[in-house]
N, C-alpha and C. Protein backbone atom coordinates (compact mmCIF):
# COMPACT_ATOMS: atom_id res chain seq x y z
N MET A 1 -14.70 72.01 58.30
CA MET A 1 -15.58 70.89 58.12
C MET A 1 -14.85 69.71 57.47
N LYS A 2 -13.98 70.01 56.51
CA LYS A 2 -13.26 68.94 55.82
C LYS A 2 -12.32 68.21 56.76
N THR A 3 -11.64 68.92 57.63
CA THR A 3 -10.72 68.26 58.55
C THR A 3 -11.46 67.36 59.52
N VAL A 4 -12.65 67.72 59.88
CA VAL A 4 -13.44 66.89 60.79
C VAL A 4 -13.82 65.58 60.11
N LEU A 5 -14.22 65.65 58.84
CA LEU A 5 -14.59 64.44 58.11
C LEU A 5 -13.39 63.54 57.91
N ASP A 6 -12.22 64.12 57.58
CA ASP A 6 -11.03 63.32 57.40
C ASP A 6 -10.64 62.61 58.69
N GLY A 7 -10.79 63.29 59.80
CA GLY A 7 -10.49 62.67 61.08
C GLY A 7 -11.40 61.50 61.37
N GLN A 8 -12.65 61.61 60.99
CA GLN A 8 -13.60 60.52 61.22
C GLN A 8 -13.28 59.33 60.33
N ARG A 9 -12.88 59.57 59.12
CA ARG A 9 -12.53 58.47 58.21
C ARG A 9 -11.34 57.69 58.74
N ASN A 10 -10.31 58.37 59.21
CA ASN A 10 -9.15 57.68 59.76
C ASN A 10 -9.55 56.84 60.97
N HIS A 11 -10.44 57.36 61.78
CA HIS A 11 -10.88 56.63 62.96
C HIS A 11 -11.60 55.34 62.55
N VAL A 12 -12.44 55.40 61.51
CA VAL A 12 -13.15 54.22 61.05
C VAL A 12 -12.16 53.21 60.48
N GLY A 13 -11.16 53.68 59.73
CA GLY A 13 -10.15 52.78 59.17
C GLY A 13 -9.36 52.07 60.25
N ILE A 14 -9.00 52.77 61.29
CA ILE A 14 -8.26 52.16 62.39
C ILE A 14 -9.14 51.13 63.08
N LYS A 15 -10.40 51.44 63.25
CA LYS A 15 -11.32 50.52 63.92
C LYS A 15 -11.47 49.23 63.11
N LYS A 16 -11.58 49.35 61.79
CA LYS A 16 -11.71 48.17 60.94
C LYS A 16 -10.46 47.30 61.01
N ARG A 17 -9.28 47.93 61.02
CA ARG A 17 -8.04 47.15 61.13
C ARG A 17 -7.97 46.42 62.46
N ASN A 18 -8.40 47.07 63.53
CA ASN A 18 -8.38 46.44 64.84
C ASN A 18 -9.33 45.25 64.89
N ILE A 19 -10.49 45.38 64.26
CA ILE A 19 -11.44 44.27 64.22
C ILE A 19 -10.86 43.11 63.42
N PHE A 20 -10.19 43.42 62.31
CA PHE A 20 -9.57 42.37 61.49
C PHE A 20 -8.56 41.59 62.31
N TRP A 21 -7.63 42.25 62.99
CA TRP A 21 -6.61 41.56 63.77
C TRP A 21 -7.21 40.86 64.98
N PHE A 22 -8.28 41.42 65.54
CA PHE A 22 -8.95 40.76 66.65
C PHE A 22 -9.52 39.42 66.19
N ARG A 23 -10.14 39.40 65.01
CA ARG A 23 -10.70 38.15 64.49
C ARG A 23 -9.61 37.14 64.14
N ILE A 24 -8.50 37.61 63.62
CA ILE A 24 -7.38 36.71 63.31
C ILE A 24 -6.87 36.07 64.60
N LYS A 25 -6.67 36.86 65.62
CA LYS A 25 -6.18 36.33 66.90
C LYS A 25 -7.21 35.41 67.54
N ARG A 26 -8.48 35.76 67.42
CA ARG A 26 -9.55 34.95 68.03
C ARG A 26 -9.61 33.57 67.39
N ASP A 27 -9.42 33.49 66.07
CA ASP A 27 -9.54 32.23 65.35
C ASP A 27 -8.20 31.62 64.99
N ALA A 28 -7.17 31.93 65.74
CA ALA A 28 -5.81 31.44 65.43
C ALA A 28 -5.74 29.92 65.45
N ILE A 29 -6.45 29.28 66.36
CA ILE A 29 -6.42 27.82 66.44
C ILE A 29 -7.04 27.21 65.19
N LEU A 30 -8.10 27.81 64.69
CA LEU A 30 -8.73 27.30 63.47
C LEU A 30 -7.80 27.45 62.26
N TYR A 31 -7.08 28.56 62.20
CA TYR A 31 -6.12 28.74 61.11
C TYR A 31 -4.97 27.73 61.22
N ALA A 32 -4.57 27.42 62.44
CA ALA A 32 -3.52 26.41 62.64
C ALA A 32 -4.02 25.04 62.18
N LEU A 33 -5.28 24.72 62.45
CA LEU A 33 -5.84 23.45 61.98
C LEU A 33 -5.95 23.41 60.46
N LEU A 34 -6.10 24.55 59.85
CA LEU A 34 -6.19 24.63 58.39
C LEU A 34 -4.85 24.40 57.71
N LEU A 35 -3.76 24.55 58.44
CA LEU A 35 -2.43 24.37 57.86
C LEU A 35 -2.19 22.93 57.41
N LEU A 36 -2.70 21.95 58.11
CA LEU A 36 -2.47 20.55 57.75
C LEU A 36 -3.05 20.20 56.38
N PRO A 37 -4.33 20.46 56.10
CA PRO A 37 -4.83 20.14 54.76
C PRO A 37 -4.20 20.99 53.66
N LEU A 38 -3.88 22.24 53.96
CA LEU A 38 -3.24 23.08 52.95
C LEU A 38 -1.84 22.58 52.62
N SER A 39 -1.10 22.12 53.63
CA SER A 39 0.23 21.57 53.36
C SER A 39 0.13 20.27 52.59
N TYR A 40 -0.87 19.45 52.87
CA TYR A 40 -1.09 18.21 52.11
C TYR A 40 -1.31 18.52 50.63
N ILE A 41 -2.18 19.49 50.36
CA ILE A 41 -2.47 19.86 48.98
C ILE A 41 -1.22 20.40 48.29
N ALA A 42 -0.46 21.22 49.00
CA ALA A 42 0.75 21.79 48.40
C ALA A 42 1.78 20.71 48.09
N ILE A 43 1.98 19.78 49.00
CA ILE A 43 3.03 18.78 48.83
C ILE A 43 2.64 17.72 47.81
N PHE A 44 1.42 17.20 47.90
CA PHE A 44 1.05 16.06 47.07
C PHE A 44 0.29 16.42 45.79
N LYS A 45 -0.09 17.67 45.63
CA LYS A 45 -0.82 18.05 44.42
C LYS A 45 -0.03 19.02 43.55
N TYR A 46 0.72 19.96 44.13
CA TYR A 46 1.40 20.97 43.35
C TYR A 46 2.88 20.67 43.11
N VAL A 47 3.55 20.05 44.04
CA VAL A 47 4.97 19.74 43.86
C VAL A 47 5.19 18.75 42.72
N PRO A 48 4.33 17.72 42.54
CA PRO A 48 4.54 16.80 41.42
C PRO A 48 4.41 17.44 40.04
N ILE A 49 3.84 18.63 39.95
CA ILE A 49 3.74 19.30 38.66
C ILE A 49 5.12 19.58 38.09
N ASN A 50 6.11 19.80 38.95
CA ASN A 50 7.48 20.02 38.47
C ASN A 50 7.99 18.79 37.73
N GLY A 51 7.69 17.59 38.22
CA GLY A 51 8.10 16.37 37.53
C GLY A 51 7.40 16.22 36.20
N LEU A 52 6.17 16.63 36.12
CA LEU A 52 5.44 16.58 34.86
C LEU A 52 6.05 17.53 33.84
N ILE A 53 6.46 18.69 34.28
CA ILE A 53 7.11 19.65 33.38
C ILE A 53 8.45 19.10 32.91
N MET A 54 9.20 18.45 33.80
CA MET A 54 10.51 17.91 33.44
C MET A 54 10.39 16.80 32.41
N ALA A 55 9.24 16.09 32.36
CA ALA A 55 9.06 15.01 31.40
C ALA A 55 9.05 15.53 29.97
N PHE A 56 8.72 16.78 29.76
CA PHE A 56 8.66 17.35 28.42
C PHE A 56 9.87 18.23 28.10
N GLN A 57 10.90 18.15 28.91
CA GLN A 57 12.11 18.95 28.70
C GLN A 57 13.33 18.06 28.53
N ASP A 58 14.34 18.60 27.89
CA ASP A 58 15.67 17.99 27.91
C ASP A 58 16.33 18.54 29.16
N TYR A 59 16.04 17.91 30.28
CA TYR A 59 16.36 18.47 31.59
C TYR A 59 17.86 18.49 31.83
N ASN A 60 18.35 19.64 32.24
CA ASN A 60 19.73 19.83 32.63
C ASN A 60 19.73 20.25 34.10
N ILE A 61 20.40 19.48 34.94
CA ILE A 61 20.36 19.73 36.38
C ILE A 61 20.97 21.08 36.74
N PHE A 62 21.92 21.55 35.96
CA PHE A 62 22.56 22.83 36.26
C PHE A 62 21.71 24.02 35.82
N ALA A 63 20.91 23.83 34.77
CA ALA A 63 20.04 24.91 34.29
C ALA A 63 18.73 24.96 35.05
N GLY A 64 18.30 23.83 35.59
CA GLY A 64 17.05 23.79 36.34
C GLY A 64 15.85 23.67 35.42
N ILE A 65 14.67 23.76 36.01
CA ILE A 65 13.44 23.60 35.24
C ILE A 65 13.24 24.78 34.30
N GLY A 66 13.51 25.97 34.76
CA GLY A 66 13.27 27.15 33.93
C GLY A 66 14.28 27.31 32.80
N GLY A 67 15.48 26.78 32.95
CA GLY A 67 16.51 26.98 31.94
C GLY A 67 16.68 25.82 30.98
N SER A 68 16.01 24.70 31.23
CA SER A 68 16.14 23.54 30.35
C SER A 68 15.34 23.74 29.07
N GLU A 69 15.82 23.09 28.02
CA GLU A 69 15.19 23.24 26.71
C GLU A 69 13.89 22.44 26.64
N TRP A 70 12.85 23.05 26.10
CA TRP A 70 11.56 22.39 25.94
C TRP A 70 11.59 21.55 24.68
N VAL A 71 11.33 20.24 24.78
CA VAL A 71 11.35 19.36 23.62
C VAL A 71 9.98 18.78 23.30
N GLY A 72 9.02 18.97 24.16
CA GLY A 72 7.67 18.50 23.90
C GLY A 72 7.57 16.98 23.94
N LEU A 73 6.97 16.40 22.91
CA LEU A 73 6.73 14.95 22.88
C LEU A 73 7.87 14.16 22.25
N ASP A 74 8.98 14.79 21.91
CA ASP A 74 10.09 14.09 21.26
C ASP A 74 10.62 12.94 22.10
N VAL A 75 10.72 13.14 23.40
CA VAL A 75 11.23 12.09 24.29
C VAL A 75 10.29 10.89 24.28
N PHE A 76 8.99 11.13 24.31
CA PHE A 76 8.02 10.03 24.32
C PHE A 76 7.99 9.31 22.98
N ARG A 77 8.15 10.04 21.88
CA ARG A 77 8.22 9.39 20.58
C ARG A 77 9.43 8.46 20.52
N PHE A 78 10.55 8.93 21.03
CA PHE A 78 11.77 8.11 21.04
C PHE A 78 11.56 6.84 21.85
N ILE A 79 10.95 6.96 23.01
CA ILE A 79 10.75 5.80 23.88
C ILE A 79 9.80 4.80 23.23
N PHE A 80 8.69 5.26 22.66
CA PHE A 80 7.72 4.35 22.08
C PHE A 80 8.21 3.71 20.78
N GLN A 81 9.19 4.28 20.11
CA GLN A 81 9.73 3.70 18.89
C GLN A 81 10.74 2.59 19.17
N GLN A 82 11.22 2.48 20.37
CA GLN A 82 12.19 1.45 20.72
C GLN A 82 11.51 0.09 20.82
N ASP A 83 12.15 -0.95 20.28
CA ASP A 83 11.61 -2.31 20.39
C ASP A 83 11.64 -2.81 21.82
N SER A 84 12.64 -2.40 22.56
CA SER A 84 12.76 -2.86 23.94
C SER A 84 11.66 -2.30 24.85
N PHE A 85 11.01 -1.23 24.44
CA PHE A 85 9.92 -0.67 25.25
C PHE A 85 8.77 -1.66 25.35
N TYR A 86 8.41 -2.28 24.23
CA TYR A 86 7.28 -3.20 24.23
C TYR A 86 7.62 -4.50 24.94
N ARG A 87 8.89 -4.89 24.93
CA ARG A 87 9.29 -6.10 25.65
C ARG A 87 9.30 -5.85 27.16
N ALA A 88 9.55 -4.61 27.55
CA ALA A 88 9.60 -4.31 28.98
C ALA A 88 8.21 -4.31 29.54
């Protein structure tokens, strides 16, 4: 009896996987249309975050973003204390 039930479970699992891939193939054009807005969000919303992180680091091009020293607001304090900043 147990082997019969196990065989039925595997059959149901295979059927569900086939339905999943059938739906993916059926809606492939819609997924392709979804790539354009997702790429826009990735390029113009998430990539600039790296520049924001670099603004708070003593950035070293050889160490990269992960290896550069975190300095916090020290760079901004230095810039705002300069007399030439207000003239610019």
